């Protein structure tokens, strides 16, 4: 893949990630683990690298320590490549003392980092989507049309348009109308781009290619803080704005429900997104872990990561993350277990006994269904976690319910015999 030295990648790290709470209680949204061993930020960075874009910025502001550590330990470019991934946190300056107010405001407040580059275009990406895209084709489409701004667009059915900014493109691909998250038939009037299909609308994926000089000018002249609400409508009045149709798999992982559903879909025999593509790999932090040891286990549609120890256990439709410890008699169904950041030794286990807390991992004979278990959880023997579909969201000291799914937060301690 030829390097696109005249393109910079800008990844929006997001704000507090409230819809993914409690997974974002101790980390920013792009640092949330994915598929047992990756993090959400690995998706756009890997797409950039696979597309030949090796000058990448990640804009973040909220609990970014783990994200910074992950990026620094993962993306180390050769000294002769001139490639890098830089984290740009929100900063107090003489003109601004607040956090980012929106997607456009985040980029606007970091423009001084981009001015010095001899770049022709900038690609704006989100840090919480799962998809695979060759951005070089996206950039070429943008340049072939002499566009000032090109919006990646996903064919969308009518019942999902409320999730997107919806655009109308003419036969040449130029955007003629745009409305952010329409919710009524009147708001959808005149926005259909693909009549006669089961996905007649084009939804903005929140992925843009800008001419860098146009982006700078728009962000300096237009006072709005959001690309979808403010910058795109303003650009349509004065610039050449096009839609780039995308036909592949794409999922916005912005809520606990979508995170849970998207992860469990990866356990299928033929998952909608594959991490096994040899030409377009998804990169992550290299770890020196032993192979997983599975002894007398019964698994059906289960993804198992590195360094796990599982003995005499059963699991169905589940993900078992890095360094997971699952003891005899455990049953998991539709569970995302994120694993641990380290192993315990004899001294750690002695300290657990002294404090009366379970060892790291899942204790003997526990039965867990429809749950997300964040990293470094201590779950005791004979714990029962049942489905809570249809029940209201709630937060307890050591667990939460979101969309009927029980979420055990990072570092939680669930005592022996607990029933949730």
Protein backbone atom coordinates (compact mmCIF):
# COMPACT_ATOMS: atom_id res chain seq x y z
CA UNK A 1 0.00 0.00 0.00
CA UNK A 2 1.50 3.31 -1.08
CA UNK A 3 1.66 5.89 1.67
CA UNK A 4 -0.66 8.89 1.41
CA UNK A 5 1.81 11.46 2.68
CA UNK A 6 -0.49 14.35 1.77
CA UNK A 7 -3.37 13.09 3.96
CA UNK A 8 -3.63 13.33 7.73
CA UNK A 9 -5.99 11.22 9.84
CA UNK A 10 -7.93 12.86 12.67
CA UNK A 11 -9.79 10.50 15.03
CA UNK A 12 -12.41 11.97 17.34
CA UNK A 13 -12.03 10.26 20.71
CA UNK A 14 -15.42 11.31 22.01
CA UNK A 15 -16.55 12.80 25.30
CA UNK A 16 -17.69 11.15 28.51
CA UNK A 17 -19.23 8.14 26.75
CA UNK A 18 -22.25 8.22 29.06
CA UNK A 19 -24.23 5.74 26.95
CA UNK A 20 -21.45 3.17 27.46
CA UNK A 21 -21.33 3.64 31.24
CA UNK A 22 -20.15 1.79 33.36
CA UNK A 23 -17.60 0.58 30.79
CA UNK A 24 -16.47 4.22 30.59
CA UNK A 25 -16.37 4.75 34.35
CA UNK A 26 -12.57 4.48 34.40
CA UNK A 27 -11.63 4.96 30.74
CA UNK A 28 -12.46 6.98 27.65
CA UNK A 29 -14.74 5.37 25.07
CA UNK A 30 -12.09 4.52 22.42
CA UNK A 31 -10.15 2.58 25.09
CA UNK A 32 -13.04 0.18 25.77
CA UNK A 33 -11.96 -3.43 25.03
CA UNK A 34 -13.40 -5.12 21.95
CA UNK A 35 -13.60 -8.75 20.77
CA UNK A 36 -11.53 -10.12 23.64
CA UNK A 37 -8.17 -8.48 22.90
CA UNK A 38 -8.58 -5.24 20.91
CA UNK A 39 -9.74 -1.75 21.83
CA UNK A 40 -12.19 0.41 19.89
CA UNK A 41 -9.44 2.83 18.88
CA UNK A 42 -7.62 0.01 17.05
CA UNK A 43 -10.29 0.00 14.32
CA UNK A 44 -9.81 3.50 12.81
CA UNK A 45 -6.04 3.45 13.38
CA UNK A 46 -5.73 0.07 11.64
CA UNK A 47 -7.90 1.28 8.76
CA UNK A 48 -5.58 4.28 8.40
CA UNK A 49 -2.43 2.18 8.40
CA UNK A 50 -3.90 -0.35 5.95
CA UNK A 51 -4.88 2.57 3.69
CA UNK A 52 -1.42 4.14 3.66
CA UNK A 53 -2.23 6.97 6.08
CA UNK A 54 0.48 7.02 8.73
CA UNK A 55 0.18 10.53 10.22
CA UNK A 56 -2.66 10.19 12.69
CA UNK A 57 -4.03 12.34 15.50
CA UNK A 58 -6.43 11.16 18.21
CA UNK A 59 -8.43 13.95 19.88
CA UNK A 60 -9.57 13.09 23.39
CA UNK A 61 -10.34 14.71 26.71
CA UNK A 62 -11.93 12.28 29.17
CA UNK A 63 -10.04 9.68 31.26
CA UNK A 64 -7.47 9.30 28.51
CA UNK A 65 -4.61 7.71 30.52
CA UNK A 66 -5.32 4.13 29.41
CA UNK A 67 -5.86 5.25 25.82
CA UNK A 68 -2.54 7.11 25.82
CA UNK A 69 -0.76 4.09 27.26
CA UNK A 70 -2.33 1.73 24.72
CA UNK A 71 -1.50 3.94 21.74
CA UNK A 72 2.07 4.56 22.89
CA UNK A 73 2.71 0.84 23.45
CA UNK A 74 1.05 -0.27 20.21
CA UNK A 75 1.77 2.14 17.36
CA UNK A 76 5.52 2.58 17.07
CA UNK A 77 6.60 3.46 13.55
CA UNK A 78 10.03 3.02 12.00
CA UNK A 79 12.21 6.10 12.44
CA UNK A 80 12.51 6.44 8.64
CA UNK A 81 8.77 6.24 7.92
CA UNK A 82 7.82 9.64 9.43
CA UNK A 83 4.62 7.99 10.66
CA UNK A 84 3.11 8.56 14.09
CA UNK A 85 -0.05 8.45 16.17
CA UNK A 86 -0.34 11.48 18.45
CA UNK A 87 -2.85 11.98 21.25
CA UNK A 88 -4.19 15.56 21.39
CA UNK A 89 -6.09 16.14 24.65
CA UNK A 90 -8.28 19.17 25.29
CA UNK A 91 -6.09 21.96 26.62
CA UNK A 92 -6.70 25.18 28.45
CA UNK A 93 -5.44 28.13 26.41
CA UNK A 94 -5.61 31.90 26.58
CA UNK A 95 -8.79 31.78 24.48
CA UNK A 96 -10.49 28.66 25.84
CA UNK A 97 -10.68 26.97 29.24
CA UNK A 98 -13.49 24.46 28.53
CA UNK A 99 -13.62 20.92 27.19
CA UNK A 100 -14.50 20.18 23.58
CA UNK A 101 -18.08 21.26 22.91
CA UNK A 102 -18.63 18.98 19.89
CA UNK A 103 -16.94 17.22 16.99
CA UNK A 104 -16.19 20.38 15.02
CA UNK A 105 -15.09 22.28 18.12
CA UNK A 106 -12.58 19.53 18.93
CA UNK A 107 -10.94 19.82 15.51
CA UNK A 108 -11.16 23.62 15.51
CA UNK A 109 -9.27 23.88 18.80
CA UNK A 110 -6.42 21.74 17.46
CA UNK A 111 -6.05 23.43 14.07
CA UNK A 112 -2.62 24.78 15.00
CA UNK A 113 -1.32 21.20 14.94
CA UNK A 114 -2.49 20.73 11.34
CA UNK A 115 -1.48 24.06 9.76
CA UNK A 116 2.19 23.14 9.58
CA UNK A 117 1.67 20.02 7.47
CA UNK A 118 2.03 20.06 3.71
CA UNK A 119 -1.14 18.03 3.47
CA UNK A 120 -3.81 18.34 0.84
CA UNK A 121 -6.61 16.53 2.65
CA UNK A 122 -7.70 15.48 6.13
CA UNK A 123 -9.85 12.46 6.92
CA UNK A 124 -12.07 12.83 10.00
CA UNK A 125 -12.93 9.56 11.77
CA UNK A 126 -14.85 8.39 14.84
CA UNK A 127 -13.29 6.30 17.57
CA UNK A 128 -16.30 4.07 18.33
CA UNK A 129 -17.22 2.34 15.04
CA UNK A 130 -16.55 -1.22 13.86
CA UNK A 131 -15.95 -1.51 10.11
CA UNK A 132 -13.21 -2.01 7.55
CA UNK A 133 -12.67 0.63 4.86
CA UNK A 134 -9.90 1.37 2.38
CA UNK A 135 -9.57 5.10 2.92
CA UNK A 136 -7.32 5.44 -0.13
CA UNK A 137 -10.34 4.71 -2.34
CA UNK A 138 -12.37 7.21 -0.34
CA UNK A 139 -9.70 9.89 -0.84
CA UNK A 140 -9.39 9.08 -4.56
CA UNK A 141 -13.17 9.43 -5.00
CA UNK A 142 -12.96 12.78 -3.21
CA UNK A 143 -10.18 13.99 -5.49
CA UNK A 144 -11.71 12.62 -8.70
CA UNK A 145 -14.78 14.76 -8.00
CA UNK A 146 -12.71 17.84 -7.12
CA UNK A 147 -14.68 17.90 -3.88
CA UNK A 148 -14.15 20.24 -0.96
CA UNK A 149 -15.85 17.80 1.40
CA UNK A 150 -16.87 14.17 0.92
CA UNK A 151 -19.13 12.34 3.37
CA UNK A 152 -19.04 8.55 3.71
CA UNK A 153 -22.63 7.36 3.36
CA UNK A 154 -24.27 4.09 4.33
CA UNK A 155 -27.47 2.86 2.60
CA UNK A 156 -29.99 2.84 5.44
CA UNK A 157 -33.54 1.46 5.94
CA UNK A 158 -36.30 3.85 6.95
CA UNK A 159 -36.57 2.52 10.52
CA UNK A 160 -32.94 3.41 11.27
CA UNK A 161 -32.69 6.91 9.81
CA UNK A 162 -33.18 8.55 13.22
CA UNK A 163 -29.63 7.38 14.10
CA UNK A 164 -28.01 9.26 11.22
CA UNK A 165 -27.61 12.52 9.46
CA UNK A 166 -29.49 11.72 6.23
CA UNK A 167 -28.35 13.14 2.90
CA UNK A 168 -29.76 13.26 -0.60
CA UNK A 169 -27.27 12.82 -3.44
CA UNK A 170 -27.88 13.44 -7.13
CA UNK A 171 -26.82 11.07 -9.92
CA UNK A 172 -23.27 12.48 -9.84
CA UNK A 173 -22.97 11.88 -6.10
CA UNK A 174 -23.18 15.54 -5.12
CA UNK A 175 -25.13 16.15 -1.92
CA UNK A 176 -28.15 18.37 -2.51
CA UNK A 177 -29.98 18.02 0.81
CA UNK A 178 -29.01 17.08 4.34
CA UNK A 179 -30.90 16.71 7.62
CA UNK A 180 -29.44 15.64 10.95
CA UNK A 181 -31.31 12.68 12.53
CA UNK A 182 -34.80 13.12 11.03
CA UNK A 183 -37.58 11.61 13.13
CA UNK A 184 -40.83 12.38 11.31
CA UNK A 185 -42.12 11.67 7.77
CA UNK A 186 -42.14 15.42 7.09
CA UNK A 187 -38.44 15.66 7.95
CA UNK A 188 -37.70 12.78 5.55
CA UNK A 189 -39.51 14.40 2.66
CA UNK A 190 -37.25 14.61 -0.39
CA UNK A 191 -34.31 12.76 1.23
CA UNK A 192 -34.68 9.39 -0.49
CA UNK A 193 -31.61 8.63 -2.65
CA UNK A 194 -32.13 4.94 -3.48
CA UNK A 195 -35.87 4.46 -4.19
CA UNK A 196 -37.11 0.94 -4.81
CA UNK A 197 -34.55 -0.67 -2.46
CA UNK A 198 -34.81 -1.92 1.12
CA UNK A 199 -32.27 0.74 2.14
CA UNK A 200 -33.53 3.83 0.33
CA UNK A 201 -31.75 6.49 2.41
CA UNK A 202 -28.10 7.46 2.72
CA UNK A 203 -26.95 7.93 6.30
CA UNK A 204 -23.81 9.86 7.18
CA UNK A 205 -21.29 7.57 8.86
CA UNK A 206 -19.60 10.48 10.61
CA UNK A 207 -16.54 9.96 8.38
CA UNK A 208 -15.38 12.86 6.21
CA UNK A 209 -12.61 13.81 3.81
CA UNK A 210 -11.95 17.55 3.69
CA UNK A 211 -9.63 19.62 1.57
CA UNK A 212 -7.47 20.80 4.42
CA UNK A 213 -7.66 24.48 3.44
CA UNK A 214 -11.46 24.23 3.14
CA UNK A 215 -11.75 22.58 6.55
CA UNK A 216 -9.66 25.31 8.16
CA UNK A 217 -11.68 28.06 6.52
CA UNK A 218 -15.04 26.53 7.47
CA UNK A 219 -14.02 25.95 11.07
CA UNK A 220 -12.80 29.53 11.34
CA UNK A 221 -15.87 31.06 9.70
CA UNK A 222 -18.70 28.82 10.96
CA UNK A 223 -19.30 29.15 14.70
CA UNK A 224 -21.19 25.87 15.25
CA UNK A 225 -19.59 23.07 17.26
CA UNK A 226 -20.83 19.98 15.38
CA UNK A 227 -19.94 18.69 11.91
CA UNK A 228 -23.38 17.22 11.24
CA UNK A 229 -25.48 20.07 12.60
CA UNK A 230 -23.38 23.02 11.53
CA UNK A 231 -20.37 22.43 9.28
CA UNK A 232 -21.93 20.18 6.62
CA UNK A 233 -24.99 22.43 6.04
CA UNK A 234 -22.72 25.47 5.80
CA UNK A 235 -20.37 23.67 3.40
CA UNK A 236 -23.26 22.73 1.10
CA UNK A 237 -24.06 26.41 0.58
CA UNK A 238 -20.60 27.36 -0.65
CA UNK A 239 -18.58 24.21 -1.47
CA UNK A 240 -18.60 21.07 -3.59
CA UNK A 241 -19.89 18.40 -1.20
CA UNK A 242 -20.18 14.74 -2.30
CA UNK A 243 -21.36 11.42 -0.87
CA UNK A 244 -19.10 8.37 -0.97
CA UNK A 245 -21.29 5.25 -0.93
CA UNK A 246 -20.08 2.48 1.41
CA UNK A 247 -21.50 -1.03 1.02
CA UNK A 248 -19.67 -2.96 3.73
CA UNK A 249 -20.41 -3.81 7.36
CA UNK A 250 -20.51 -0.85 9.75
CA UNK A 251 -21.71 -0.59 13.33
CA UNK A 252 -21.79 2.33 15.72
CA UNK A 253 -20.76 1.02 19.15
CA UNK A 254 -22.16 3.88 21.18
CA UNK A 255 -24.43 2.13 23.70
CA UNK A 256 -24.22 -0.89 25.99
CA UNK A 257 -26.83 -2.66 23.84
CA UNK A 258 -24.94 -2.10 20.57
CA UNK A 259 -21.60 -2.97 22.23
CA UNK A 260 -23.06 -6.22 23.57
CA UNK A 261 -24.82 -7.18 20.35
CA UNK A 262 -21.84 -6.34 18.13
CA UNK A 263 -19.40 -8.34 20.26
CA UNK A 264 -21.60 -11.42 20.47
CA UNK A 265 -22.13 -11.34 16.69
CA UNK A 266 -18.39 -12.04 16.39
CA UNK A 267 -18.92 -15.48 17.94
CA UNK A 268 -20.98 -16.73 15.00
CA UNK A 269 -19.52 -19.23 12.59
CA UNK A 270 -19.79 -16.63 9.83
CA UNK A 271 -19.54 -13.30 11.70
CA UNK A 272 -20.57 -10.04 9.98
CA UNK A 273 -17.09 -8.62 10.65
CA UNK A 274 -13.93 -10.73 10.43
CA UNK A 275 -10.72 -10.16 12.34
CA UNK A 276 -9.08 -12.85 10.19
CA UNK A 277 -8.52 -10.80 7.02
CA UNK A 278 -4.86 -11.40 6.08
CA UNK A 279 -4.65 -8.33 3.83
CA UNK A 280 -6.28 -5.81 6.16
CA UNK A 281 -5.43 -6.86 9.72
CA UNK A 282 -6.64 -5.07 12.82
CA UNK A 283 -3.61 -4.15 14.92
CA UNK A 284 -3.41 -3.99 18.67
CA UNK A 285 -0.87 -3.99 21.47
CA UNK A 286 1.58 -6.92 21.18
CA UNK A 287 1.51 -9.02 24.35
CA UNK A 288 3.83 -11.81 25.42
CA UNK A 289 1.21 -14.22 26.69
CA UNK A 290 1.11 -18.01 26.80
CA UNK A 291 -1.45 -19.94 24.79
CA UNK A 292 -4.80 -20.48 26.46
CA UNK A 293 -5.20 -23.70 28.43
CA UNK A 294 -8.63 -25.30 28.10
CA UNK A 295 -9.22 -28.49 30.08
CA UNK A 296 -12.39 -30.59 29.77
CA UNK A 297 -14.47 -27.68 28.48
CA UNK A 298 -17.59 -27.59 26.34
CA UNK A 299 -17.77 -24.51 24.09
CA UNK A 300 -20.28 -23.59 21.39
CA UNK A 301 -19.72 -20.37 19.41
CA UNK A 302 -17.05 -19.00 21.73
CA UNK A 303 -14.11 -16.67 21.06
CA UNK A 304 -11.14 -17.31 23.40
CA UNK A 305 -8.25 -14.85 23.65
CA UNK A 306 -4.64 -15.38 24.71
CA UNK A 307 -3.44 -16.41 28.15
CA UNK A 308 -6.70 -17.87 29.49
CA UNK A 309 -7.07 -20.73 31.96
CA UNK A 310 -10.43 -22.48 31.76
CA UNK A 311 -11.14 -25.81 33.46
CA UNK A 312 -14.26 -28.01 33.45
CA UNK A 313 -16.45 -25.14 32.27
CA UNK A 314 -19.18 -24.62 29.69
CA UNK A 315 -19.73 -21.56 27.52
CA UNK A 316 -22.20 -20.69 24.76
CA UNK A 317 -22.22 -17.62 22.49
CA UNK A 318 -19.57 -15.87 24.56
CA UNK A 319 -16.27 -13.99 24.37
CA UNK A 320 -13.49 -14.86 26.82
CA UNK A 321 -10.92 -12.08 26.97
CA UNK A 322 -7.21 -11.91 27.75
CA UNK A 323 -5.94 -13.75 30.86
CA UNK A 324 -9.43 -14.88 31.86
CA UNK A 325 -9.54 -17.38 34.74
CA UNK A 326 -12.66 -19.57 34.74
CA UNK A 327 -12.89 -22.29 37.37
CA UNK A 328 -14.65 -25.70 37.37
CA UNK A 329 -18.42 -25.87 37.15
CA UNK A 330 -18.86 -22.41 35.61
CA UNK A 331 -21.54 -21.90 32.96
CA UNK A 332 -21.53 -18.84 30.67
CA UNK A 333 -24.19 -17.97 28.12
CA UNK A 334 -24.14 -14.79 26.04
CA UNK A 335 -21.37 -13.34 28.19
CA UNK A 336 -18.61 -10.90 27.27
CA UNK A 337 -15.75 -11.47 29.71
CA UNK A 338 -12.97 -8.93 29.17
CA UNK A 339 -10.37 -10.77 31.23
CA UNK A 340 -7.58 -9.21 33.26
CA UNK A 341 -4.60 -6.90 32.95
CA UNK A 342 -2.36 -9.27 34.91
CA UNK A 343 -2.21 -12.63 36.69
CA UNK A 344 -2.35 -13.17 40.43
CA UNK A 345 0.46 -14.96 42.26
CA UNK A 346 0.44 -16.75 45.63
CA UNK A 347 0.98 -13.50 47.50
CA UNK A 348 -2.00 -11.90 45.74
CA UNK A 349 -4.22 -14.88 46.55
CA UNK A 350 -3.11 -14.79 50.19
CA UNK A 351 -4.08 -11.13 50.31
CA UNK A 352 -7.47 -11.99 48.80
CA UNK A 353 -8.01 -14.57 51.53
CA UNK A 354 -7.02 -12.08 54.22
CA UNK A 355 -9.47 -9.51 52.86
CA UNK A 356 -12.21 -12.08 52.32
CA UNK A 357 -12.55 -11.39 48.62
CA UNK A 358 -12.63 -13.91 45.76
CA UNK A 359 -9.62 -14.53 43.56
CA UNK A 360 -9.41 -12.86 40.17
CA UNK A 361 -11.73 -14.42 37.59
CA UNK A 362 -14.90 -16.47 38.03
CA UNK A 363 -15.27 -18.83 40.98
CA UNK A 364 -16.44 -22.44 40.96
CA UNK A 365 -20.01 -23.34 39.96
CA UNK A 366 -21.08 -19.81 39.01
CA UNK A 367 -23.87 -19.50 36.44
CA UNK A 368 -23.84 -16.31 34.35
CA UNK A 369 -26.22 -15.39 31.51
CA UNK A 370 -26.53 -12.15 29.51
CA UNK A 371 -23.72 -10.17 31.11
CA UNK A 372 -20.67 -8.04 30.41
CA UNK A 373 -17.80 -8.61 32.85
CA UNK A 374 -15.23 -5.83 32.66
CA UNK A 375 -11.54 -6.34 33.38
CA UNK A 376 -10.06 -7.49 36.69
CA UNK A 377 -13.37 -8.58 38.22
CA UNK A 378 -13.32 -10.88 41.27
CA UNK A 379 -16.40 -13.12 41.09
CA UNK A 380 -16.87 -15.65 43.88
CA UNK A 381 -18.17 -19.22 43.96
CA UNK A 382 -21.83 -20.00 43.25
CA UNK A 383 -22.63 -16.56 41.86
CA UNK A 384 -25.78 -16.41 39.73
CA UNK A 385 -26.35 -13.65 37.18
CA UNK A 386 -29.62 -13.97 35.29
CA UNK A 387 -31.13 -12.03 32.38
CA UNK A 388 -32.98 -8.81 33.21
CA UNK A 389 -34.69 -8.14 29.90
CA UNK A 390 -37.47 -5.58 30.16
CA UNK A 391 -36.29 -4.26 33.52
CA UNK A 392 -35.36 -0.61 34.04
CA UNK A 393 -31.73 0.48 34.11
CA UNK A 394 -30.19 0.65 37.56
CA UNK A 395 -26.83 1.07 39.29
CA UNK A 396 -25.75 -0.85 42.37
CA UNK A 397 -22.41 -0.69 44.16
CA UNK A 398 -20.80 -3.58 42.23
CA UNK A 399 -23.02 -3.97 39.17
CA UNK A 400 -25.37 -2.18 36.82
CA UNK A 401 -28.21 -3.04 34.48
CA UNK A 402 -28.33 -1.48 31.03
CA UNK A 403 -30.86 -2.55 28.38
CA UNK A 404 -31.53 -5.73 30.39
CA UNK A 405 -27.83 -6.64 30.42
CA UNK A 406 -25.93 -6.98 33.70
CA UNK A 407 -22.62 -5.08 33.59
CA UNK A 408 -19.92 -5.91 36.13
CA UNK A 409 -17.55 -2.90 36.12
CA UNK A 410 -13.77 -2.96 36.13
CA UNK A 411 -12.22 -4.12 39.43
CA UNK A 412 -15.61 -5.13 40.86
CA UNK A 413 -15.87 -7.68 43.66
CA UNK A 414 -18.90 -10.00 43.62
CA UNK A 415 -18.97 -12.07 46.83
CA UNK A 416 -19.60 -15.82 46.98
CA UNK A 417 -23.23 -16.80 46.59
CA UNK A 418 -24.41 -13.47 45.17
CA UNK A 419 -27.58 -13.63 43.06
CA UNK A 420 -28.19 -10.79 40.59
